[in-house]
Amino acid sequence: MEFDVAIERSSWVALRVLGSSHSNPVFVVVDGKPIRASRRSAEWCLKGVDQCWSQKERFLKPEELEQARSDYQHARAAYQRILEESTAP
């Protein structure tokens, strides 16, 4: 199989058999820029971290709380950075 396709920003692509399956992703880097999700997808992930924290915080042991807060904040910061770097809506 051979074809030409214009890829304007770093992405992953796959060949798809409609209604069945698709290949493993092929990662394409354009101008050395990282692959970034859409803003909507990044916002969804960020909200997911907050939702997860809101449900789990009360069940953590006191000795686990500080580390857990730090870990969740790390995840928030990562998704916030991705959100800021995202160019697609």
N, C-alpha and C. Protein backbone atom coordinates (compact mmCIF):
# COMPACT_ATOMS: atom_id res chain seq x y z
N MET A 1 0.84 -1.15 0.00
CA MET A 1 0.00 0.00 0.00
C MET A 1 0.90 1.23 0.00
N GLU A 2 0.55 2.18 -0.80
CA GLU A 2 1.31 3.43 -0.87
C GLU A 2 0.35 4.56 -1.17
N PHE A 3 0.53 5.67 -0.47
CA PHE A 3 -0.29 6.85 -0.72
C PHE A 3 0.41 8.07 -0.13
N ASP A 4 0.02 9.24 -0.59
CA ASP A 4 0.53 10.51 -0.07
C ASP A 4 -0.55 11.16 0.76
N VAL A 5 -0.14 11.72 1.88
CA VAL A 5 -1.08 12.44 2.74
C VAL A 5 -0.34 13.61 3.38
N ALA A 6 -0.97 14.76 3.41
CA ALA A 6 -0.37 15.94 4.03
C ALA A 6 -0.66 15.90 5.53
N ILE A 7 0.38 15.96 6.32
CA ILE A 7 0.22 15.99 7.78
C ILE A 7 0.81 17.30 8.26
N GLU A 8 -0.03 18.18 8.80
CA GLU A 8 0.37 19.54 9.13
C GLU A 8 0.97 19.70 10.51
N ARG A 9 0.63 18.81 11.43
CA ARG A 9 1.19 18.90 12.78
C ARG A 9 1.50 17.50 13.28
N SER A 10 2.40 17.41 14.23
CA SER A 10 2.79 16.11 14.78
C SER A 10 1.55 15.35 15.24
N SER A 11 1.50 14.09 14.86
CA SER A 11 0.30 13.29 15.08
C SER A 11 0.68 11.81 15.11
N TRP A 12 -0.31 10.99 15.40
CA TRP A 12 -0.17 9.58 15.11
C TRP A 12 -1.23 9.22 14.09
N VAL A 13 -0.89 8.29 13.23
CA VAL A 13 -1.81 7.83 12.19
C VAL A 13 -1.84 6.31 12.21
N ALA A 14 -2.92 5.76 11.68
CA ALA A 14 -3.05 4.31 11.60
C ALA A 14 -3.86 3.97 10.36
N LEU A 15 -3.63 2.80 9.83
CA LEU A 15 -4.47 2.29 8.75
C LEU A 15 -5.65 1.58 9.39
N ARG A 16 -6.82 1.82 8.83
CA ARG A 16 -8.02 1.28 9.45
C ARG A 16 -8.80 0.41 8.47
N VAL A 17 -9.27 -0.72 8.98
CA VAL A 17 -10.21 -1.55 8.25
C VAL A 17 -11.56 -1.20 8.85
N LEU A 18 -12.34 -0.43 8.11
CA LEU A 18 -13.58 0.13 8.63
C LEU A 18 -14.47 -0.93 9.26
N GLY A 19 -14.87 -0.66 10.51
CA GLY A 19 -15.76 -1.57 11.23
C GLY A 19 -15.07 -2.78 11.83
N SER A 20 -13.74 -2.83 11.72
CA SER A 20 -13.06 -4.03 12.18
C SER A 20 -11.89 -3.74 13.10
N SER A 21 -10.86 -3.10 12.57
CA SER A 21 -9.64 -2.92 13.34
C SER A 21 -8.77 -1.84 12.71
N HIS A 22 -7.64 -1.57 13.35
CA HIS A 22 -6.66 -0.69 12.73
C HIS A 22 -5.27 -1.10 13.14
N SER A 23 -4.30 -0.61 12.40
CA SER A 23 -2.91 -0.96 12.65
C SER A 23 -2.42 -0.30 13.94
N ASN A 24 -1.25 -0.66 14.35
CA ASN A 24 -0.60 0.07 15.43
C ASN A 24 -0.37 1.50 14.96
N PRO A 25 -0.25 2.43 15.89
CA PRO A 25 -0.03 3.82 15.47
C PRO A 25 1.37 4.00 14.87
N VAL A 26 1.44 4.91 13.94
CA VAL A 26 2.71 5.37 13.38
C VAL A 26 2.82 6.83 13.81
N PHE A 27 3.87 7.15 14.55
CA PHE A 27 4.03 8.50 15.08
C PHE A 27 4.77 9.36 14.07
N VAL A 28 4.21 10.52 13.77
CA VAL A 28 4.76 11.45 12.78
C VAL A 28 5.09 12.75 13.50
N VAL A 29 6.36 13.13 13.45
CA VAL A 29 6.79 14.38 14.10
C VAL A 29 7.03 15.42 13.01
N VAL A 30 6.37 16.56 13.14
CA VAL A 30 6.48 17.65 12.17
C VAL A 30 7.20 18.82 12.83
N ASP A 31 8.27 19.29 12.21
CA ASP A 31 9.05 20.43 12.70
C ASP A 31 9.55 20.25 14.13
N GLY A 32 9.79 19.01 14.55
CA GLY A 32 10.33 18.74 15.87
C GLY A 32 9.37 19.01 17.02
N LYS A 33 8.11 19.26 16.71
CA LYS A 33 7.13 19.59 17.75
C LYS A 33 6.47 18.32 18.27
N PRO A 34 6.11 18.32 19.57
CA PRO A 34 5.50 17.12 20.16
C PRO A 34 4.09 16.87 19.64
N ILE A 35 3.67 15.63 19.74
CA ILE A 35 2.28 15.27 19.43
C ILE A 35 1.43 15.78 20.58
N ARG A 36 0.38 16.49 20.25
CA ARG A 36 -0.49 17.03 21.27
C ARG A 36 -1.95 16.72 20.96
N ALA A 37 -2.69 16.40 21.99
CA ALA A 37 -4.12 16.15 21.87
C ALA A 37 -4.84 17.45 21.54
N SER A 38 -6.08 17.32 21.20
CA SER A 38 -6.89 18.53 21.02
C SER A 38 -7.08 19.18 22.38
N ARG A 39 -7.41 20.44 22.38
CA ARG A 39 -7.67 21.15 23.64
C ARG A 39 -8.81 20.45 24.39
N ARG A 40 -9.81 20.06 23.65
CA ARG A 40 -10.97 19.39 24.28
C ARG A 40 -10.56 18.10 24.98
N SER A 41 -9.70 17.33 24.34
CA SER A 41 -9.24 16.07 24.93
C SER A 41 -8.39 16.33 26.17
N ALA A 42 -7.50 17.31 26.09
CA ALA A 42 -6.65 17.65 27.24
C ALA A 42 -7.49 18.15 28.41
N GLU A 43 -8.51 18.96 28.12
CA GLU A 43 -9.40 19.45 29.18
C GLU A 43 -10.15 18.29 29.83
N TRP A 44 -10.58 17.32 29.02
CA TRP A 44 -11.28 16.14 29.54
C TRP A 44 -10.38 15.37 30.50
N CYS A 45 -9.10 15.20 30.12
CA CYS A 45 -8.15 14.49 30.99
C CYS A 45 -7.92 15.25 32.29
N LEU A 46 -7.78 16.54 32.20
CA LEU A 46 -7.56 17.37 33.39
C LEU A 46 -8.76 17.27 34.34
N LYS A 47 -9.95 17.33 33.80
CA LYS A 47 -11.15 17.17 34.63
C LYS A 47 -11.22 15.77 35.24
N GLY A 48 -10.74 14.78 34.50
CA GLY A 48 -10.72 13.42 35.01
C GLY A 48 -9.82 13.27 36.23
N VAL A 49 -8.68 13.94 36.21
CA VAL A 49 -7.77 13.91 37.37
C VAL A 49 -8.48 14.51 38.58
N ASP A 50 -9.14 15.66 38.37
CA ASP A 50 -9.86 16.30 39.49
C ASP A 50 -10.99 15.42 40.01
N GLN A 51 -11.71 14.78 39.10
CA GLN A 51 -12.81 13.90 39.51
C GLN A 51 -12.28 12.71 40.30
N CYS A 52 -11.21 12.12 39.83
CA CYS A 52 -10.61 10.98 40.52
C CYS A 52 -10.17 11.38 41.93
N TRP A 53 -9.51 12.53 42.04
CA TRP A 53 -9.06 13.01 43.35
C TRP A 53 -10.25 13.22 44.28
N SER A 54 -11.32 13.81 43.77
CA SER A 54 -12.49 14.09 44.61
C SER A 54 -13.10 12.81 45.18
N GLN A 55 -12.94 11.70 44.48
CA GLN A 55 -13.51 10.43 44.94
C GLN A 55 -12.55 9.62 45.82
N LYS A 56 -11.27 9.81 45.65
CA LYS A 56 -10.29 8.98 46.36
C LYS A 56 -9.69 9.64 47.60
N GLU A 57 -9.67 10.96 47.63
CA GLU A 57 -8.98 11.67 48.73
C GLU A 57 -9.44 11.20 50.11
N ARG A 58 -10.72 11.04 50.28
CA ARG A 58 -11.25 10.70 51.61
C ARG A 58 -10.89 9.29 52.07
N PHE A 59 -10.45 8.43 51.14
CA PHE A 59 -10.12 7.06 51.49
C PHE A 59 -8.62 6.83 51.73
N LEU A 60 -7.84 7.88 51.55
CA LEU A 60 -6.39 7.74 51.73
C LEU A 60 -6.02 7.74 53.20
N LYS A 61 -5.00 6.99 53.53
CA LYS A 61 -4.48 7.00 54.89
C LYS A 61 -3.74 8.31 55.12
N PRO A 62 -3.77 8.81 56.34
CA PRO A 62 -3.08 10.08 56.62
C PRO A 62 -1.63 10.11 56.17
N GLU A 63 -0.95 8.99 56.31
CA GLU A 63 0.47 8.95 55.92
C GLU A 63 0.65 8.91 54.39
N GLU A 64 -0.41 8.67 53.65
CA GLU A 64 -0.34 8.65 52.18
C GLU A 64 -0.77 9.98 51.54
N LEU A 65 -1.41 10.82 52.32
CA LEU A 65 -2.07 12.01 51.79
C LEU A 65 -1.10 13.00 51.13
N GLU A 66 0.01 13.30 51.76
CA GLU A 66 0.94 14.28 51.20
C GLU A 66 1.49 13.81 49.86
N GLN A 67 1.90 12.55 49.78
CA GLN A 67 2.43 12.02 48.52
C GLN A 67 1.35 12.00 47.44
N ALA A 68 0.15 11.61 47.82
CA ALA A 68 -0.95 11.56 46.86
C ALA A 68 -1.27 12.96 46.32
N ARG A 69 -1.31 13.95 47.20
CA ARG A 69 -1.54 15.34 46.75
C ARG A 69 -0.48 15.75 45.75
N SER A 70 0.76 15.44 46.05
CA SER A 70 1.86 15.77 45.16
C SER A 70 1.73 15.07 43.81
N ASP A 71 1.36 13.80 43.84
CA ASP A 71 1.21 13.03 42.61
C ASP A 71 0.07 13.57 41.75
N TYR A 72 -1.05 13.88 42.36
CA TYR A 72 -2.17 14.42 41.61
C TYR A 72 -1.84 15.81 41.06
N GLN A 73 -1.12 16.60 41.81
CA GLN A 73 -0.72 17.92 41.32
C GLN A 73 0.24 17.77 40.14
N HIS A 74 1.11 16.78 40.20
CA HIS A 74 2.00 16.51 39.07
C HIS A 74 1.19 16.18 37.81
N ALA A 75 0.16 15.35 37.97
CA ALA A 75 -0.70 14.99 36.83
C ALA A 75 -1.43 16.22 36.31
N ARG A 76 -1.96 17.04 37.20
CA ARG A 76 -2.64 18.27 36.77
C ARG A 76 -1.70 19.17 35.98
N ALA A 77 -0.49 19.34 36.47
CA ALA A 77 0.49 20.20 35.80
C ALA A 77 0.83 19.64 34.41
N ALA A 78 0.95 18.32 34.29
CA ALA A 78 1.27 17.72 32.99
C ALA A 78 0.14 17.97 32.00
N TYR A 79 -1.10 17.75 32.42
CA TYR A 79 -2.22 17.97 31.51
C TYR A 79 -2.41 19.46 31.21
N GLN A 80 -2.13 20.31 32.17
CA GLN A 80 -2.22 21.76 31.94
C GLN A 80 -1.19 22.18 30.89
N ARG A 81 0.01 21.63 30.97
CA ARG A 81 1.05 21.94 29.99
C ARG A 81 0.63 21.47 28.59
N ILE A 82 0.09 20.26 28.52
CA ILE A 82 -0.39 19.74 27.24
C ILE A 82 -1.51 20.63 26.70
N LEU A 83 -2.41 21.05 27.57
CA LEU A 83 -3.51 21.93 27.17
C LEU A 83 -2.97 23.23 26.58
N GLU A 84 -1.97 23.81 27.23
CA GLU A 84 -1.39 25.07 26.75
C GLU A 84 -0.65 24.90 25.42
N GLU A 85 -0.11 23.69 25.18
CA GLU A 85 0.62 23.43 23.95
C GLU A 85 -0.28 22.98 22.81
N SER A 86 -1.52 22.68 23.10
CA SER A 86 -2.43 22.16 22.08
C SER A 86 -2.87 23.27 21.14
N THR A 87 -2.90 22.93 19.86
CA THR A 87 -3.34 23.91 18.86
C THR A 87 -4.69 23.55 18.26
N ALA A 88 -5.04 22.29 18.29
CA ALA A 88 -6.33 21.86 17.74
C ALA A 88 -7.43 22.09 18.76
N PRO A 89 -8.60 22.49 18.30
CA PRO A 89 -9.72 22.72 19.23
C PRO A 89 -10.11 21.45 19.90
